């Protein structure tokens, strides 16, 4: 919970700034400044948790866990940038391939090292994925080198860093509000007793697993919309957004049906305790409804664990089903294209990055489809320069 609240949600949220444009060096510099306070918190987590009146043994183990986890935090931040970099070149499968290769090492180290193995294995895995991303981009996808922007003092320009920070704060607000709400519900559940805490763990793991599918869809949609805005194609960007909403709804209905049908047996996948299974079965109908709406909340505080999930579900409906969908459907995509072009005019380094990415994608398409690649590259330059 501490890792999610203090670091991971912020890093992933800031990574959203790289979806529309990809100034990799700026991202690295901004992450560097963000990591300093995060690492300080993690390395002194035991004392901080004791001050927050947590159990001393829990604080000691959490501090030990985070101290070992800190070894992998810089690599995790690099992975977020590398993912966006590969995705911007249309290489969506590369992070998955690298992660699949490293996953076996993670499982092995966790099994061998016990409690200490969980953070240490994950930290080692993050570093291996980071090294694998560098190797893949340098040796295997050598054509990507044409999109690499050389190190320059322009990366320290306040305008560029300010643009990235402004975009990133929006992503942090979205990600942190969602993640922190989950963790606050978990903290509240811990005050309701061990049975409620065990049931909350089952529910949280279940929702986290089903969340990965729409989350991946959201990343792909965000990258695709960013590319279309870069190319000055607002109608296609709007179509991509609407298609993602529809596909997300279909996936949510599938997960809802799974939770509803197997609600009485679901808890036994994690726990043999009858009381935990009964509590999970009582709350899973709310989780099934919850799947259709994804957001944050904590409204009721007096109805036990069921009350927490009722509040969470109600707020999801109010935000995602109403406000979030309205905002997406009402977006003026022509205005979004104009905003992208304005950022390019204000930041020459951004323009260089867009030119490199546009030409590289054009070269990749040309190698696969002849004229389509040349047209794509020309379109990228045309959409950028006509307004400048």
Protein backbone atom coordinates (compact mmCIF):
# COMPACT_ATOMS: atom_id res chain seq x y z
CA UNK A 1 0.00 0.00 0.00
CA UNK A 2 2.78 2.44 0.93
CA UNK A 3 4.62 1.71 -2.31
CA UNK A 4 1.49 2.30 -4.39
CA UNK A 5 0.55 5.55 -2.65
CA UNK A 6 4.00 7.13 -2.42
CA UNK A 7 5.57 6.08 -5.71
CA UNK A 8 4.00 3.73 -8.24
CA UNK A 9 0.78 5.70 -8.75
CA UNK A 10 2.77 8.92 -9.23
CA UNK A 11 5.31 7.38 -11.63
CA UNK A 12 2.63 5.73 -13.76
CA UNK A 13 0.55 8.90 -13.74
CA UNK A 14 3.50 10.99 -14.90
CA UNK A 15 4.08 8.44 -17.65
CA UNK A 16 0.77 9.52 -19.15
CA UNK A 17 2.48 12.74 -20.24
CA UNK A 18 4.47 10.70 -22.76
CA UNK A 19 1.42 9.37 -24.61
CA UNK A 20 0.70 12.42 -26.76
CA UNK A 21 4.32 13.43 -27.33
CA UNK A 22 7.49 11.56 -26.45
CA UNK A 23 10.31 13.77 -25.14
CA UNK A 24 12.26 10.90 -23.61
CA UNK A 25 15.10 12.97 -22.16
CA UNK A 26 12.70 15.36 -20.46
CA UNK A 27 10.87 12.38 -19.01
CA UNK A 28 14.09 10.96 -17.62
CA UNK A 29 15.07 14.28 -16.02
CA UNK A 30 11.64 14.82 -14.51
CA UNK A 31 11.57 11.27 -13.12
CA UNK A 32 15.01 11.83 -11.59
CA UNK A 33 13.72 14.75 -9.52
CA UNK A 34 10.60 12.79 -8.55
CA UNK A 35 12.55 9.74 -7.42
CA UNK A 36 14.59 11.58 -4.79
CA UNK A 37 11.71 12.22 -2.33
CA UNK A 38 10.20 8.80 -3.12
CA UNK A 39 13.42 6.99 -2.22
CA UNK A 40 13.78 9.07 0.95
CA UNK A 41 10.30 8.00 2.07
CA UNK A 42 10.94 4.34 1.30
CA UNK A 43 14.31 4.23 3.07
CA UNK A 44 12.76 5.77 6.22
CA UNK A 45 9.41 3.99 5.96
CA UNK A 46 9.66 2.20 9.32
CA UNK A 47 9.92 5.40 11.32
CA UNK A 48 7.20 7.09 9.28
CA UNK A 49 4.79 4.18 9.78
CA UNK A 50 5.46 4.14 13.53
CA UNK A 51 4.63 7.85 13.66
CA UNK A 52 1.37 6.98 11.88
CA UNK A 53 0.59 4.61 14.79
CA UNK A 54 1.01 1.38 12.88
CA UNK A 55 2.02 -1.83 14.65
CA UNK A 56 5.78 -1.86 15.25
CA UNK A 57 6.28 -5.33 13.80
CA UNK A 58 4.26 -4.40 10.72
CA UNK A 59 6.22 -1.15 10.39
CA UNK A 60 9.53 -3.02 10.69
CA UNK A 61 8.61 -5.57 8.00
CA UNK A 62 7.17 -2.88 5.74
CA UNK A 63 10.31 -0.78 6.14
CA UNK A 64 12.48 -3.79 5.32
CA UNK A 65 10.31 -4.58 2.30
CA UNK A 66 10.44 -1.03 0.93
CA UNK A 67 14.19 -0.67 1.55
CA UNK A 68 14.84 -3.67 -0.70
CA UNK A 69 12.17 -2.53 -3.15
CA UNK A 70 13.95 0.84 -3.49
CA UNK A 71 16.65 -0.90 -5.52
CA UNK A 72 14.15 -1.39 -8.33
CA UNK A 73 12.34 1.98 -8.28
CA UNK A 74 14.68 3.81 -10.71
CA UNK A 75 14.47 0.85 -13.10
CA UNK A 76 10.67 0.87 -12.82
CA UNK A 77 10.62 4.54 -13.81
CA UNK A 78 12.84 3.79 -16.79
CA UNK A 79 10.52 0.95 -17.82
CA UNK A 80 7.56 3.36 -17.91
CA UNK A 81 9.49 5.61 -20.31
CA UNK A 82 10.72 2.66 -22.39
CA UNK A 83 7.19 1.28 -22.75
CA UNK A 84 5.96 4.60 -24.10
CA UNK A 85 8.97 4.78 -26.40
CA UNK A 86 8.34 1.34 -27.90
CA UNK A 87 4.62 2.00 -28.19
CA UNK A 88 5.23 5.30 -29.99
CA UNK A 89 7.14 3.33 -32.63
CA UNK A 90 4.24 0.89 -32.99
CA UNK A 91 6.14 -1.91 -31.19
CA UNK A 92 3.42 -2.76 -28.68
CA UNK A 93 4.54 -6.38 -28.19
CA UNK A 94 8.14 -5.62 -27.21
CA UNK A 95 7.49 -4.81 -23.50
CA UNK A 96 5.32 -7.93 -23.27
CA UNK A 97 8.06 -10.13 -24.75
CA UNK A 98 10.69 -8.74 -22.39
CA UNK A 99 8.39 -9.08 -19.37
CA UNK A 100 7.55 -12.67 -20.27
CA UNK A 101 11.23 -13.60 -20.44
CA UNK A 102 11.97 -12.01 -17.05
CA UNK A 103 8.83 -13.36 -15.33
CA UNK A 104 10.40 -16.80 -14.88
CA UNK A 105 13.34 -15.27 -13.00
CA UNK A 106 10.93 -13.40 -10.75
CA UNK A 107 9.02 -16.57 -9.83
CA UNK A 108 12.23 -18.51 -9.15
CA UNK A 109 13.77 -15.84 -6.92
CA UNK A 110 10.54 -15.38 -4.98
CA UNK A 111 10.32 -19.12 -4.29
CA UNK A 112 13.94 -19.35 -3.18
CA UNK A 113 14.24 -16.21 -1.04
CA UNK A 114 10.95 -16.28 0.90
CA UNK A 115 9.66 -12.99 2.32
CA UNK A 116 12.84 -11.17 1.39
CA UNK A 117 12.53 -12.63 -2.09
CA UNK A 118 9.34 -10.76 -2.97
CA UNK A 119 10.76 -7.21 -3.06
CA UNK A 120 14.26 -8.32 -4.02
CA UNK A 121 13.03 -10.53 -6.87
CA UNK A 122 10.78 -7.76 -8.15
CA UNK A 123 13.60 -5.21 -7.94
CA UNK A 124 15.97 -7.50 -9.83
CA UNK A 125 13.25 -8.16 -12.40
CA UNK A 126 12.67 -4.43 -12.93
CA UNK A 127 16.38 -3.94 -13.55
CA UNK A 128 16.49 -6.91 -15.94
CA UNK A 129 13.50 -5.53 -17.88
CA UNK A 130 15.20 -2.13 -18.07
CA UNK A 131 18.42 -3.69 -19.37
CA UNK A 132 16.41 -5.86 -21.76
CA UNK A 133 14.64 -2.78 -23.12
CA UNK A 134 17.97 -1.08 -23.80
CA UNK A 135 19.37 -4.20 -25.48
CA UNK A 136 16.22 -4.73 -27.55
CA UNK A 137 16.18 -1.15 -28.78
CA UNK A 138 19.91 -1.13 -29.54
CA UNK A 139 20.47 -4.55 -31.10
CA UNK A 140 17.17 -6.12 -32.16
CA UNK A 141 15.17 -3.07 -33.25
CA UNK A 142 18.17 -1.21 -34.65
CA UNK A 143 15.96 0.84 -36.99
CA UNK A 144 14.67 2.66 -33.90
CA UNK A 145 17.97 4.52 -33.61
CA UNK A 146 16.79 7.08 -36.14
CA UNK A 147 14.20 8.22 -33.56
CA UNK A 148 16.72 8.60 -30.75
CA UNK A 149 17.16 12.24 -29.84
CA UNK A 150 20.71 13.21 -28.81
CA UNK A 151 21.37 14.57 -25.33
CA UNK A 152 21.02 18.33 -25.32
CA UNK A 153 20.78 21.20 -22.87
CA UNK A 154 17.40 21.94 -24.43
CA UNK A 155 16.10 19.04 -22.36
CA UNK A 156 16.56 21.29 -19.31
CA UNK A 157 14.57 24.16 -20.82
CA UNK A 158 11.85 25.26 -18.37
CA UNK A 159 9.24 25.42 -21.11
CA UNK A 160 9.67 21.78 -22.06
CA UNK A 161 9.83 20.55 -18.49
CA UNK A 162 6.81 22.70 -17.64
CA UNK A 163 4.81 21.19 -20.50
CA UNK A 164 5.67 17.67 -19.42
CA UNK A 165 4.93 18.45 -15.77
CA UNK A 166 1.55 19.98 -16.65
CA UNK A 167 0.55 16.95 -18.70
CA UNK A 168 1.92 14.58 -16.09
CA UNK A 169 0.05 16.15 -13.18
CA UNK A 170 -3.22 15.40 -14.94
CA UNK A 171 -2.18 11.76 -15.22
CA UNK A 172 -1.08 11.70 -11.58
CA UNK A 173 -4.43 13.13 -10.51
CA UNK A 174 -6.30 10.44 -12.42
CA UNK A 175 -4.10 7.53 -11.36
CA UNK A 176 -3.49 8.60 -7.77
CA UNK A 177 -7.15 9.33 -7.04
CA UNK A 178 -8.03 5.82 -8.19
CA UNK A 179 -5.17 3.95 -6.51
CA UNK A 180 -5.34 5.90 -3.27
CA UNK A 181 -9.06 5.26 -2.94
CA UNK A 182 -8.40 1.52 -3.18
CA UNK A 183 -5.70 1.73 -0.53
CA UNK A 184 -7.89 3.82 1.79
CA UNK A 185 -10.59 1.16 1.54
CA UNK A 186 -7.98 -1.46 2.43
CA UNK A 187 -6.87 0.63 5.41
CA UNK A 188 -10.48 0.95 6.58
CA UNK A 189 -11.01 -2.80 6.12
CA UNK A 190 -8.05 -3.52 8.40
CA UNK A 191 -9.97 -1.81 11.22
CA UNK A 192 -12.92 -4.20 10.80
CA UNK A 193 -11.07 -7.34 11.86
CA UNK A 194 -9.04 -10.17 10.28
CA UNK A 195 -11.99 -11.72 8.43
CA UNK A 196 -12.87 -8.44 6.71
CA UNK A 197 -9.20 -7.84 5.90
CA UNK A 198 -8.84 -11.31 4.36
CA UNK A 199 -12.02 -10.82 2.32
CA UNK A 200 -10.78 -7.40 1.21
CA UNK A 201 -7.53 -8.99 0.03
CA UNK A 202 -9.46 -11.52 -2.08
CA UNK A 203 -11.66 -8.81 -3.57
CA UNK A 204 -8.74 -6.47 -4.24
CA UNK A 205 -6.64 -9.12 -5.97
CA UNK A 206 -9.64 -10.14 -8.09
CA UNK A 207 -10.40 -6.59 -9.17
CA UNK A 208 -6.73 -5.85 -9.77
CA UNK A 209 -6.45 -8.83 -12.11
CA UNK A 210 -9.54 -7.91 -14.13
CA UNK A 211 -8.37 -4.28 -14.21
CA UNK A 212 -5.26 -5.22 -16.20
CA UNK A 213 -7.27 -5.90 -19.37
CA UNK A 214 -9.05 -2.52 -19.64
CA UNK A 215 -5.87 -0.83 -18.40
CA UNK A 216 -3.92 -2.31 -21.32
CA UNK A 217 -6.72 -1.27 -23.66
CA UNK A 218 -6.54 2.25 -22.22
CA UNK A 219 -2.80 2.48 -22.84
CA UNK A 220 -3.17 1.30 -26.43
CA UNK A 221 -6.04 3.73 -27.00
CA UNK A 222 -4.11 6.62 -25.47
CA UNK A 223 -1.08 5.96 -27.68
CA UNK A 224 -3.25 5.59 -30.78
CA UNK A 225 -5.16 8.80 -30.07
CA UNK A 226 -1.87 10.60 -29.45
CA UNK A 227 -0.55 9.45 -32.82
CA UNK A 228 -3.74 10.50 -34.60
CA UNK A 229 -3.70 13.93 -32.94
CA UNK A 230 -0.06 14.29 -33.96
CA UNK A 231 -1.08 13.55 -37.55
CA UNK A 232 -3.99 15.99 -37.45
CA UNK A 233 -6.72 13.31 -37.71
CA UNK A 234 -9.39 14.35 -35.17
CA UNK A 235 -12.16 12.19 -36.67
CA UNK A 236 -10.10 9.01 -36.37
CA UNK A 237 -9.08 10.00 -32.82
CA UNK A 238 -12.76 10.37 -31.92
CA UNK A 239 -13.53 6.99 -33.52
CA UNK A 240 -10.73 5.34 -31.53
CA UNK A 241 -12.05 6.81 -28.28
CA UNK A 242 -15.62 5.67 -28.93
CA UNK A 243 -14.48 2.19 -30.00
CA UNK A 244 -12.45 1.86 -26.81
CA UNK A 245 -15.48 2.79 -24.69
CA UNK A 246 -17.59 0.14 -26.42
CA UNK A 247 -14.94 -2.56 -26.17
CA UNK A 248 -14.31 -1.71 -22.52
CA UNK A 249 -18.03 -2.07 -21.79
CA UNK A 250 -18.11 -5.51 -23.42
CA UNK A 251 -15.09 -6.67 -21.41
CA UNK A 252 -16.62 -5.32 -18.21
CA UNK A 253 -19.85 -7.22 -18.82
CA UNK A 254 -17.87 -10.44 -19.31
CA UNK A 255 -16.01 -9.97 -16.02
CA UNK A 256 -19.25 -9.04 -14.25
CA UNK A 257 -20.86 -12.26 -15.44
CA UNK A 258 -17.90 -14.31 -14.21
CA UNK A 259 -18.03 -12.78 -10.73
CA UNK A 260 -21.81 -13.16 -10.51
CA UNK A 261 -21.95 -16.79 -11.66
CA UNK A 262 -19.08 -18.05 -9.48
CA UNK A 263 -19.58 -15.71 -6.50
CA UNK A 264 -20.16 -18.55 -3.98
CA UNK A 265 -17.03 -20.47 -4.98
CA UNK A 266 -14.71 -17.61 -5.91
CA UNK A 267 -13.12 -17.12 -2.48
CA UNK A 268 -11.97 -20.75 -2.36
CA UNK A 269 -9.43 -19.95 -5.06
CA UNK A 270 -7.59 -17.95 -2.38
CA UNK A 271 -8.79 -19.11 1.04
CA UNK A 272 -10.49 -22.11 2.70
CA UNK A 273 -12.01 -20.11 5.55
CA UNK A 274 -15.82 -20.38 5.55
CA UNK A 275 -16.37 -16.93 7.09
CA UNK A 276 -14.15 -15.27 4.48
CA UNK A 277 -15.90 -17.17 1.67
CA UNK A 278 -19.32 -16.10 2.97
CA UNK A 279 -18.29 -12.45 3.18
CA UNK A 280 -16.73 -12.52 -0.30
CA UNK A 281 -19.87 -14.14 -1.76
CA UNK A 282 -22.01 -11.40 -0.20
CA UNK A 283 -19.90 -8.59 -1.68
CA UNK A 284 -19.15 -10.04 -5.13
CA UNK A 285 -22.50 -8.84 -6.58
CA UNK A 286 -21.28 -5.31 -5.85
CA UNK A 287 -17.94 -6.18 -7.43
CA UNK A 288 -19.81 -7.45 -10.50
CA UNK A 289 -21.55 -4.08 -10.78
CA UNK A 290 -18.28 -2.37 -9.98
CA UNK A 291 -16.63 -3.89 -13.05
CA UNK A 292 -18.77 -1.78 -15.36
CA UNK A 293 -17.43 1.40 -13.76
CA UNK A 294 -13.80 2.01 -12.87
CA UNK A 295 -12.82 4.94 -10.60
CA UNK A 296 -12.46 5.81 -6.96
CA UNK A 297 -14.48 6.32 -3.78
CA UNK A 298 -15.10 5.96 -0.07
CA UNK A 299 -18.56 7.16 0.90
CA UNK A 300 -20.02 4.97 3.65
CA UNK A 301 -18.02 4.25 6.77
CA UNK A 302 -20.53 2.59 9.09
CA UNK A 303 -21.71 -0.48 7.17
CA UNK A 304 -18.62 -2.67 7.48
CA UNK A 305 -16.76 -4.04 4.46
CA UNK A 306 -19.97 -4.23 2.44
CA UNK A 307 -20.53 -0.53 3.14
CA UNK A 308 -17.05 0.33 1.89
CA UNK A 309 -17.67 -1.50 -1.37
CA UNK A 310 -21.14 0.02 -1.68
CA UNK A 311 -19.60 3.48 -1.44
CA UNK A 312 -16.90 2.51 -3.90
CA UNK A 313 -19.45 1.23 -6.42
CA UNK A 314 -21.77 4.24 -6.09
CA UNK A 315 -18.95 6.68 -6.70
CA UNK A 316 -17.80 4.66 -9.71
CA UNK A 317 -21.26 4.96 -11.22
CA UNK A 318 -21.41 8.70 -10.53
CA UNK A 319 -17.97 9.39 -11.99
CA UNK A 320 -17.19 6.85 -14.69
CA UNK A 321 -20.64 5.99 -15.98
CA UNK A 322 -21.77 9.60 -16.07
CA UNK A 323 -19.03 12.22 -15.88
CA UNK A 324 -16.18 10.27 -17.49
CA UNK A 325 -18.24 9.06 -20.44
CA UNK A 326 -19.77 12.50 -21.01
CA UNK A 327 -16.33 14.12 -21.02
CA UNK A 328 -15.03 11.60 -23.55
CA UNK A 329 -18.03 11.83 -25.87
CA UNK A 330 -18.14 15.64 -25.67
CA UNK A 331 -14.44 16.15 -26.40
CA UNK A 332 -13.70 18.58 -29.23
CA UNK A 333 -11.08 16.60 -31.11
CA UNK A 334 -10.28 19.44 -33.52
CA UNK A 335 -9.41 21.55 -30.48
CA UNK A 336 -7.19 18.74 -29.16
CA UNK A 337 -5.29 18.70 -32.47
CA UNK A 338 -4.83 22.47 -32.18
CA UNK A 339 -3.46 22.04 -28.65
CA UNK A 340 -0.92 19.46 -29.85
CA UNK A 341 0.22 21.78 -32.64
CA UNK A 342 0.50 24.67 -30.18
CA UNK A 343 2.78 22.57 -27.98
CA UNK A 344 4.93 21.76 -31.00
CA UNK A 345 5.23 25.43 -31.93
CA UNK A 346 6.21 26.36 -28.39
CA UNK A 347 8.78 23.55 -27.97
CA UNK A 348 11.28 22.95 -30.80
CA UNK A 349 12.63 19.83 -29.10
CA UNK A 350 9.15 18.33 -29.11
CA UNK A 351 8.97 19.03 -32.82
CA UNK A 352 12.26 17.20 -33.37
CA UNK A 353 10.95 14.20 -31.44
CA UNK A 354 7.73 14.14 -33.45
CA UNK A 355 9.64 14.37 -36.73
CA UNK A 356 11.88 11.46 -35.75
CA UNK A 357 8.97 9.32 -34.58
CA UNK A 358 6.93 10.14 -37.67
CA UNK A 359 9.74 9.20 -40.02
CA UNK A 360 10.52 6.00 -38.13
CA UNK A 361 6.90 4.84 -38.20
CA UNK A 362 6.86 5.67 -41.88
CA UNK A 363 9.98 3.58 -42.46
CA UNK A 364 8.49 0.67 -40.54
CA UNK A 365 5.27 0.80 -42.53
CA UNK A 366 7.25 1.12 -45.76
CA UNK A 367 9.17 -2.05 -44.96
CA UNK A 368 5.85 -3.81 -44.41
CA UNK A 369 3.60 -2.15 -46.92
CA UNK A 370 5.42 -0.14 -49.55
CA UNK A 371 3.82 3.22 -50.28
CA UNK A 372 1.87 3.31 -47.02
CA UNK A 373 5.04 4.04 -45.08
CA UNK A 374 6.08 6.95 -47.31
CA UNK A 375 2.58 8.41 -47.13
CA UNK A 376 2.54 8.03 -43.35
CA UNK A 377 5.85 9.85 -42.99
CA UNK A 378 4.80 12.66 -45.33
CA UNK A 379 1.48 12.96 -43.52
CA UNK A 380 3.27 13.28 -40.19
CA UNK A 381 5.46 16.11 -41.50
CA UNK A 382 2.54 17.76 -43.31
CA UNK A 383 0.27 17.77 -40.27
CA UNK A 384 3.04 19.33 -38.22
CA UNK A 385 4.38 21.95 -40.60
CA UNK A 386 1.16 23.23 -42.19
CA UNK A 387 0.11 24.87 -38.94
CA UNK A 388 3.60 26.12 -38.07
